[in-house]
Amino acid sequence: RTMITQEEQQNIIDRFGNGPDDTGTPEVQIAIFTKRIEHLTEHLEDHPNDNSTRQGLLDLVGKRRRLLNYLQENEIERYRTIRDELELRK
């Protein structure tokens, strides 16, 4: 697990979720993955040969991509909203 604090996670849930315990909606998961990806990217800048972390990062990026693809295919407005809020490019 990456160093995303409980407080950071709760802030994400409050911002993107439908309630304080909503961790399942794609928007919340995408936002949490994005935060973890940012942490791992910073770590890899300091430790460029940490290949296990790099693999974990690629796995996370893939999971986020699949969730974004799901939203794009099924709920285009929700997709556009989360993409714009997190400033993700497509």
C-alpha atoms as a PDB file:
ATOM      1  CA  ARG A   1       0.000   0.000   0.000  1.00  0.00           C
ATOM      2  CA  THR A   2       1.081   3.493  -0.653  1.00  0.00           C
ATOM      3  CA  MET A   3       1.224   6.244   1.898  1.00  0.00           C
ATOM      4  CA  ILE A   4      -2.275   7.640   1.524  1.00  0.00           C
ATOM      5  CA  THR A   5      -3.505   8.601   4.980  1.00  0.00           C
ATOM      6  CA  GLN A   6      -6.934   7.831   6.387  1.00  0.00           C
ATOM      7  CA  GLU A   7      -7.572  11.566   6.400  1.00  0.00           C
ATOM      8  CA  GLU A   8      -6.692  11.928   2.708  1.00  0.00           C
ATOM      9  CA  GLN A   9      -8.888   8.961   1.849  1.00  0.00           C
ATOM     10  CA  GLN A  10     -11.811  10.363   3.852  1.00  0.00           C
ATOM     11  CA  ASN A  11     -11.437  13.737   2.112  1.00  0.00           C
ATOM     12  CA  ILE A  12     -11.639  11.975  -1.263  1.00  0.00           C
ATOM     13  CA  ILE A  13     -14.723  10.009  -0.167  1.00  0.00           C
ATOM     14  CA  ASP A  14     -16.381  13.196   1.111  1.00  0.00           C
ATOM     15  CA  ARG A  15     -15.629  14.989  -2.159  1.00  0.00           C
ATOM     16  CA  PHE A  16     -16.550  12.284  -4.680  1.00  0.00           C
ATOM     17  CA  GLY A  17     -18.734   9.803  -2.772  1.00  0.00           C
ATOM     18  CA  ASN A  18     -22.444   9.620  -2.086  1.00  0.00           C
ATOM     19  CA  GLY A  19     -21.922   9.308   1.663  1.00  0.00           C
ATOM     20  CA  PRO A  20     -19.244   8.914   4.345  1.00  0.00           C
ATOM     21  CA  ASP A  21     -18.868   5.161   3.733  1.00  0.00           C
ATOM     22  CA  ASP A  22     -19.046   5.199  -0.076  1.00  0.00           C
ATOM     23  CA  THR A  23     -15.833   3.599  -1.284  1.00  0.00           C
ATOM     24  CA  GLY A  24     -17.336   1.617  -4.145  1.00  0.00           C
ATOM     25  CA  THR A  25     -18.428   4.127  -6.759  1.00  0.00           C
ATOM     26  CA  PRO A  26     -16.067   4.432  -9.714  1.00  0.00           C
ATOM     27  CA  GLU A  27     -15.484   8.131  -9.004  1.00  0.00           C
ATOM     28  CA  VAL A  28     -14.184   7.450  -5.492  1.00  0.00           C
ATOM     29  CA  GLN A  29     -11.993   4.575  -6.658  1.00  0.00           C
ATOM     30  CA  ILE A  30     -10.565   6.619  -9.537  1.00  0.00           C
ATOM     31  CA  ALA A  31      -9.781   9.518  -7.182  1.00  0.00           C
ATOM     32  CA  ILE A  32      -8.078   7.215  -4.658  1.00  0.00           C
ATOM     33  CA  PHE A  33      -6.065   5.504  -7.406  1.00  0.00           C
ATOM     34  CA  THR A  34      -5.040   8.920  -8.708  1.00  0.00           C
ATOM     35  CA  LYS A  35      -3.781   9.968  -5.269  1.00  0.00           C
ATOM     36  CA  ARG A  36      -1.821   6.723  -4.895  1.00  0.00           C
ATOM     37  CA  ILE A  37      -0.393   7.095  -8.412  1.00  0.00           C
ATOM     38  CA  GLU A  38       0.848  10.588  -7.487  1.00  0.00           C
ATOM     39  CA  HIS A  39       2.586   9.196  -4.373  1.00  0.00           C
ATOM     40  CA  LEU A  40       4.220   6.353  -6.315  1.00  0.00           C
ATOM     41  CA  THR A  41       5.354   8.691  -9.076  1.00  0.00           C
ATOM     42  CA  GLU A  42       7.107  10.910  -6.521  1.00  0.00           C
ATOM     43  CA  HIS A  43       8.730   7.834  -4.948  1.00  0.00           C
ATOM     44  CA  LEU A  44      10.018   6.633  -8.321  1.00  0.00           C
ATOM     45  CA  GLU A  45      11.583  10.021  -9.053  1.00  0.00           C
ATOM     46  CA  ASP A  46      13.798   9.502  -5.984  1.00  0.00           C
ATOM     47  CA  HIS A  47      14.274   5.743  -6.516  1.00  0.00           C
ATOM     48  CA  PRO A  48      14.370   5.111 -10.277  1.00  0.00           C
ATOM     49  CA  ASN A  49      15.512   1.468  -9.946  1.00  0.00           C
ATOM     50  CA  ASP A  50      12.656   0.369  -7.665  1.00  0.00           C
ATOM     51  CA  ASN A  51      11.087  -1.976 -10.170  1.00  0.00           C
ATOM     52  CA  SER A  52       8.551  -3.592  -7.829  1.00  0.00           C
ATOM     53  CA  THR A  53       7.087  -0.157  -7.111  1.00  0.00           C
ATOM     54  CA  ARG A  54       7.103   0.598 -10.825  1.00  0.00           C
ATOM     55  CA  GLN A  55       5.099  -2.590 -11.449  1.00  0.00           C
ATOM     56  CA  GLY A  56       2.619  -1.596  -8.746  1.00  0.00           C
ATOM     57  CA  LEU A  57       2.289   1.825 -10.348  1.00  0.00           C
ATOM     58  CA  LEU A  58       1.562   0.301 -13.748  1.00  0.00           C
ATOM     59  CA  ASP A  59      -1.055  -1.986 -12.190  1.00  0.00           C
ATOM     60  CA  LEU A  60      -2.764   1.014 -10.577  1.00  0.00           C
ATOM     61  CA  VAL A  61      -2.720   2.991 -13.805  1.00  0.00           C
ATOM     62  CA  GLY A  62      -4.323   0.015 -15.554  1.00  0.00           C
ATOM     63  CA  LYS A  63      -7.053  -0.317 -12.921  1.00  0.00           C
ATOM     64  CA  ARG A  64      -7.811   3.389 -13.142  1.00  0.00           C
ATOM     65  CA  ARG A  65      -7.896   3.197 -16.942  1.00  0.00           C
ATOM     66  CA  ARG A  66     -10.400   0.310 -16.831  1.00  0.00           C
ATOM     67  CA  LEU A  67     -12.668   2.221 -14.459  1.00  0.00           C
ATOM     68  CA  LEU A  68     -12.458   5.321 -16.664  1.00  0.00           C
ATOM     69  CA  ASN A  69     -13.273   3.219 -19.724  1.00  0.00           C
ATOM     70  CA  TYR A  70     -16.274   1.748 -17.898  1.00  0.00           C
ATOM     71  CA  LEU A  71     -17.595   5.205 -17.028  1.00  0.00           C
ATOM     72  CA  GLN A  72     -16.912   6.490 -20.533  1.00  0.00           C
ATOM     73  CA  GLU A  73     -18.921   3.664 -22.083  1.00  0.00           C
ATOM     74  CA  ASN A  74     -21.823   3.644 -19.613  1.00  0.00           C
ATOM     75  CA  GLU A  75     -22.071   7.066 -17.928  1.00  0.00           C
ATOM     76  CA  ILE A  76     -20.422   9.633 -20.190  1.00  0.00           C
ATOM     77  CA  GLU A  77     -21.423  12.630 -18.052  1.00  0.00           C
ATOM     78  CA  ARG A  78     -19.975  11.104 -14.880  1.00  0.00           C
ATOM     79  CA  TYR A  79     -16.838  10.272 -16.867  1.00  0.00           C
ATOM     80  CA  ARG A  80     -16.437  13.867 -18.064  1.00  0.00           C
ATOM     81  CA  THR A  81     -17.022  15.218 -14.565  1.00  0.00           C
ATOM     82  CA  ILE A  82     -14.387  13.028 -12.870  1.00  0.00           C
ATOM     83  CA  ARG A  83     -11.911  13.530 -15.713  1.00  0.00           C
ATOM     84  CA  ASP A  84     -12.207  17.302 -15.457  1.00  0.00           C
ATOM     85  CA  GLU A  85     -12.152  17.394 -11.635  1.00  0.00           C
ATOM     86  CA  LEU A  86      -8.973  15.302 -11.434  1.00  0.00           C
ATOM     87  CA  GLU A  87      -7.479  17.010 -14.511  1.00  0.00           C
ATOM     88  CA  LEU A  88      -6.866  13.687 -16.233  1.00  0.00           C
ATOM     89  CA  ARG A  89      -6.135  13.795 -19.913  1.00  0.00           C
ATOM     90  CA  LYS A  90      -7.593  11.471 -22.482  1.00  0.00           C
END
